[in-house]
Amino acid sequence: MSALQQKVDQVVAVLTETVRDHAPVTFANSLGAEDMVLTDIIDRYHLAIDMFSLDTGRLPQETYDLMQTVRERYKTPLRIYFPNVKQVEAYVAENGVNGFYESIELRKSCCHIRKVEPLRRALQGKRAWVTGIRHEQGSTRLDLKVSAYDMGNRMQKVNPLLEWSNTEVWEYLKQYEVPYNKLHDKFYPSIGCAPCTRAITPGEDIRSGRWWWEAPENKECGLHTGKVIPLK
C-alpha cells in the first residue's frame, strides 16, 4: 500500500467515524485544492456527507467554472449559499464597493456578511461540519485538531487533511485526475474572493496571497476562528 493510500484510508476512517457519531454531517467546500481532494474522496467512497459552497458575489471566474465542473462530474450535489442582499447593499452604501481595503475592521465586516452569515445558514440542522484546513496553511491554523467541538457553531468540526502536505494534496489530485481551480496554475495557492486574492512568488508563505495588505495573524475571514474543544 502506498503512503498516499494510507493517508486516504485515514481520511476515510475519520469521515466514517464522524458520520457514525455526528450525523448529519456537511462539508464546507471552498473549491480549493484541499477541498477538491475531499470532494473526490466523499464521492468516491460514497460517504453520507453533503456539501455546500459559499458564493460571496466576488469570486473569480475560475472558481465559478470549477463549481460547474463539480456539478457535472460528481454525484454528490453542491449546494450554493449567497449572502443576505440587504446586508451587502447596506455595507456598500456606507463603505463603498471596495471598502474592505480601508481597515481590518471593514474587511472582517465584509467577510462576516459574505461568508460567516451564509455559513451559519448552511450549517443549520447539522451536527458536524468538515473542512479542508491544513496546518501548513499558516500561523493561525497551527493549533487546530483533526476533530474538535466548535463552540461558535455548536457542533463538531472535522479537519481530516490537517496533517497533509501540499505535495500530498497535489499527488492525489494528479493521480485521480481531480478537477481543480485553474488559478492554481497561475501561482495562486490559496483562493478566496477576487479582490482579496493575488498570486504569490516563490518562497512566499502559502497564505501570503490572501489579504496581503494585512499582518499574518489577521489572515482569517471568521469562518475558522471560533473556540473549539479538542476530543480527548
Protein backbone atom coordinates (compact mmCIF):
# COMPACT_ATOMS: atom_id res chain seq x y z
CA MET A 1 0.00 0.00 0.00
CA SER A 2 1.37 3.42 -0.95
CA ALA A 3 1.96 6.17 1.58
CA LEU A 4 -0.70 8.27 -0.15
CA GLN A 5 -3.27 5.47 0.06
CA GLN A 6 -2.55 5.15 3.77
CA LYS A 7 -3.31 8.85 4.14
CA VAL A 8 -6.52 8.44 2.14
CA ASP A 9 -7.59 5.50 4.29
CA GLN A 10 -7.06 7.63 7.40
CA VAL A 11 -9.26 10.36 5.94
CA VAL A 12 -11.99 7.87 5.08
CA ALA A 13 -11.79 6.44 8.62
CA VAL A 14 -12.12 9.89 10.19
CA LEU A 15 -15.07 10.80 7.98
CA THR A 16 -16.78 7.43 8.51
CA GLU A 17 -16.44 7.85 12.27
CA THR A 18 -17.80 11.38 12.04
CA VAL A 19 -20.87 10.20 10.15
CA ARG A 20 -21.37 7.41 12.68
CA ASP A 21 -21.12 9.68 15.71
CA HIS A 22 -22.33 13.08 14.49
CA ALA A 23 -24.76 12.70 11.58
CA PRO A 24 -25.99 14.69 9.77
CA VAL A 25 -22.61 15.92 8.50
CA THR A 26 -21.88 18.59 5.89
CA PHE A 27 -18.72 19.60 4.06
CA ALA A 28 -17.87 23.30 3.60
CA ASN A 29 -16.34 23.19 0.13
CA SER A 30 -14.25 26.25 -0.74
CA LEU A 31 -13.24 24.61 -4.05
CA GLY A 32 -9.56 25.00 -3.22
CA ALA A 33 -7.08 22.19 -3.90
CA GLU A 34 -7.58 20.57 -0.50
CA ASP A 35 -11.34 20.72 -0.77
CA MET A 36 -11.25 19.11 -4.18
CA VAL A 37 -9.40 16.18 -2.59
CA LEU A 38 -12.21 15.87 -0.06
CA THR A 39 -14.86 16.29 -2.75
CA ASP A 40 -13.37 13.35 -4.63
CA ILE A 41 -12.96 11.18 -1.52
CA ILE A 42 -16.50 11.81 -0.27
CA ASP A 43 -17.92 10.97 -3.67
CA ARG A 44 -15.58 8.07 -4.44
CA TYR A 45 -16.21 6.30 -1.12
CA HIS A 46 -19.96 7.08 -1.07
CA LEU A 47 -19.81 8.78 2.32
CA ALA A 48 -23.06 10.13 3.72
CA ILE A 49 -21.86 13.73 3.77
CA ASP A 50 -23.50 16.53 1.82
CA MET A 51 -21.53 19.57 0.67
CA PHE A 52 -22.02 23.25 0.10
CA SER A 53 -20.08 26.28 -1.10
CA LEU A 54 -20.40 29.98 -0.35
CA ASP A 55 -20.82 32.32 -3.31
CA THR A 56 -19.74 35.67 -1.90
CA GLY A 57 -20.58 37.52 -5.11
CA ARG A 58 -16.90 38.45 -5.56
CA LEU A 59 -15.41 35.11 -6.65
CA PRO A 60 -13.02 34.74 -9.61
CA GLN A 61 -14.47 33.36 -12.84
CA GLU A 62 -12.20 30.32 -12.49
CA THR A 63 -13.99 29.42 -9.24
CA TYR A 64 -17.39 29.60 -10.91
CA ASP A 65 -16.07 27.41 -13.72
CA LEU A 66 -15.00 24.81 -11.16
CA MET A 67 -18.40 24.97 -9.43
CA GLN A 68 -20.00 23.95 -12.71
CA THR A 69 -17.46 21.18 -13.28
CA VAL A 70 -18.13 19.76 -9.81
CA ARG A 71 -21.84 19.78 -10.53
CA GLU A 72 -21.31 17.87 -13.76
CA ARG A 73 -18.71 15.35 -12.57
CA TYR A 74 -19.80 14.31 -9.07
CA LYS A 75 -22.99 12.65 -7.86
CA THR A 76 -22.87 14.48 -4.52
CA PRO A 77 -24.80 17.73 -5.08
CA LEU A 78 -23.00 21.02 -4.34
CA ARG A 79 -25.43 23.43 -2.68
CA ILE A 80 -24.64 27.14 -3.06
CA TYR A 81 -25.36 29.76 -0.38
CA PHE A 82 -25.39 33.51 -1.03
CA PRO A 83 -25.02 36.48 1.34
CA ASN A 84 -28.03 38.46 2.50
CA VAL A 85 -28.66 41.04 -0.23
CA LYS A 86 -29.84 43.79 2.14
CA GLN A 87 -26.71 43.42 4.30
CA VAL A 88 -24.45 43.65 1.23
CA GLU A 89 -26.32 46.70 -0.05
CA ALA A 90 -26.08 48.44 3.34
CA TYR A 91 -22.34 47.72 3.58
CA VAL A 92 -21.64 49.05 0.08
CA ALA A 93 -23.80 52.13 0.66
CA GLU A 94 -21.84 53.01 3.78
CA ASN A 95 -18.32 51.91 2.86
CA GLY A 96 -18.17 51.63 -0.93
CA VAL A 97 -17.86 48.52 -3.05
CA ASN A 98 -14.17 48.08 -2.06
CA GLY A 99 -14.33 49.50 1.46
CA PHE A 100 -12.68 46.38 2.87
CA TYR A 101 -9.27 47.72 1.81
CA GLU A 102 -9.53 50.62 4.28
CA SER A 103 -9.21 48.77 7.60
CA ILE A 104 -9.10 45.34 9.18
CA GLU A 105 -12.47 46.05 10.79
CA LEU A 106 -14.13 46.84 7.46
CA ARG A 107 -12.52 43.82 5.80
CA LYS A 108 -13.71 41.48 8.55
CA SER A 109 -17.15 43.05 8.42
CA CYS A 110 -17.31 42.31 4.70
CA CYS A 111 -16.18 38.73 5.33
CA HIS A 112 -18.82 38.36 8.01
CA ILE A 113 -21.60 39.43 5.67
CA ARG A 114 -20.40 37.47 2.65
CA LYS A 115 -19.11 34.33 4.40
CA VAL A 116 -19.86 33.91 8.10
CA GLU A 117 -23.59 34.65 8.00
CA PRO A 118 -24.21 32.35 4.96
CA LEU A 119 -22.09 29.66 6.66
CA ARG A 120 -24.36 29.72 9.71
CA ARG A 121 -27.38 29.19 7.49
CA ALA A 122 -25.62 26.35 5.67
CA LEU A 123 -24.83 24.63 8.98
CA GLN A 124 -28.37 24.77 10.35
CA GLY A 125 -29.67 21.34 11.24
CA LYS A 126 -26.20 19.71 11.11
CA ARG A 127 -24.25 18.11 13.94
CA ALA A 128 -20.80 18.25 12.31
CA TRP A 129 -19.01 20.09 9.54
CA VAL A 130 -15.93 19.11 7.56
CA THR A 131 -13.23 21.44 6.20
CA GLY A 132 -10.06 21.09 4.12
CA ILE A 133 -7.88 23.09 6.53
CA ARG A 134 -4.20 22.08 6.83
CA HIS A 135 -1.53 23.04 9.38
CA GLU A 136 0.80 24.22 6.58
CA GLN A 137 -1.63 26.94 5.54
CA GLY A 138 -0.50 29.49 8.11
CA SER A 139 0.23 30.50 11.68
CA THR A 140 -3.46 30.86 12.51
CA ARG A 141 -4.01 27.14 11.87
CA LEU A 142 -1.14 25.53 13.75
CA ASP A 143 -3.13 24.69 16.90
CA LEU A 144 -6.14 23.11 15.17
CA LYS A 145 -7.14 19.48 15.77
CA VAL A 146 -8.44 16.83 13.40
CA SER A 147 -11.70 16.73 15.36
CA ALA A 148 -12.92 19.20 17.97
CA TYR A 149 -16.14 20.67 19.29
CA ASP A 150 -16.82 24.03 17.65
CA MET A 151 -18.26 26.24 20.39
CA GLY A 152 -19.20 29.03 17.99
CA ASN A 153 -21.34 26.81 15.78
CA ARG A 154 -22.25 24.29 18.50
CA MET A 155 -21.24 21.23 16.57
CA GLN A 156 -18.27 19.01 15.82
CA LYS A 157 -15.69 20.41 13.40
CA VAL A 158 -13.52 17.95 11.50
CA ASN A 159 -10.34 18.72 9.55
CA PRO A 160 -9.30 15.34 8.05
CA LEU A 161 -6.48 16.76 5.87
CA LEU A 162 -4.87 18.65 8.74
CA GLU A 163 -1.58 16.73 8.59
CA TRP A 164 -1.37 16.52 4.79
CA SER A 165 1.41 18.32 2.98
CA ASN A 166 0.86 20.43 -0.10
CA THR A 167 2.79 17.79 -2.06
CA GLU A 168 0.39 15.07 -0.92
CA VAL A 169 -2.62 17.17 -1.89
CA TRP A 170 -1.30 17.58 -5.42
CA GLU A 171 -0.21 13.96 -5.66
CA TYR A 172 -3.81 12.96 -5.00
CA LEU A 173 -5.24 15.45 -7.50
CA LYS A 174 -2.90 14.26 -10.22
CA GLN A 175 -3.28 10.54 -9.50
CA TYR A 176 -7.07 10.63 -9.66
CA GLU A 177 -7.30 13.38 -12.29
CA VAL A 178 -9.40 15.53 -9.98
CA PRO A 179 -10.50 18.90 -11.42
CA TYR A 180 -9.08 21.95 -9.68
CA ASN A 181 -9.20 25.74 -9.86
CA LYS A 182 -7.08 26.88 -12.81
CA LEU A 183 -5.79 29.82 -10.78
CA HIS A 184 -3.55 27.30 -9.01
CA ASP A 185 -1.61 27.06 -12.27
CA LYS A 186 -1.01 30.82 -12.07
CA PHE A 187 0.66 30.70 -8.62
CA TYR A 188 -2.50 31.16 -6.52
CA PRO A 189 -2.08 28.54 -3.76
CA SER A 190 -4.96 29.96 -1.70
CA ILE A 191 -8.04 31.33 -3.45
CA GLY A 192 -10.82 33.45 -1.99
CA CYS A 193 -12.65 36.50 -3.29
CA ALA A 194 -11.08 38.06 -6.39
CA PRO A 195 -10.23 41.47 -4.88
CA CYS A 196 -8.66 39.84 -1.80
CA THR A 197 -6.52 37.22 -3.55
CA ARG A 198 -3.33 37.55 -5.57
CA ALA A 199 -0.62 35.31 -6.98
CA ILE A 200 2.50 34.74 -4.89
CA THR A 201 6.17 34.50 -5.75
CA PRO A 202 8.46 31.51 -4.97
CA GLY A 203 9.36 31.36 -1.29
CA GLU A 204 6.36 33.33 -0.05
CA ASP A 205 4.07 31.87 2.60
CA ILE A 206 1.18 29.86 1.15
CA ARG A 207 -1.37 32.33 2.56
CA SER A 208 0.56 35.48 1.61
CA GLY A 209 -1.70 35.99 -1.39
CA ARG A 210 -4.75 36.39 0.83
CA TRP A 211 -5.39 39.90 2.29
CA TRP A 212 -1.76 40.66 1.50
CA TRP A 213 -2.03 44.17 2.97
CA GLU A 214 -2.63 42.75 6.47
CA ALA A 215 -0.40 41.10 9.07
CA PRO A 216 -0.29 37.26 9.02
CA GLU A 217 -2.07 36.90 12.37
CA ASN A 218 -5.14 38.63 10.92
CA LYS A 219 -5.50 36.45 7.82
CA GLU A 220 -8.77 34.71 8.60
CA CYS A 221 -12.24 35.60 7.40
CA GLY A 222 -14.05 34.44 10.52
CA LEU A 223 -15.10 31.00 9.30
CA HIS A 224 -12.39 29.24 11.31
CA THR A 225 -11.76 31.49 14.31
CA GLY A 226 -14.36 30.15 16.75
CA LYS A 227 -13.35 28.46 20.01
CA VAL A 228 -13.02 24.69 19.75
CA ILE A 229 -12.64 21.96 22.38
CA PRO A 230 -10.38 19.07 21.26
CA LEU A 231 -11.52 15.48 21.69
CA LYS A 232 -9.69 13.63 24.47
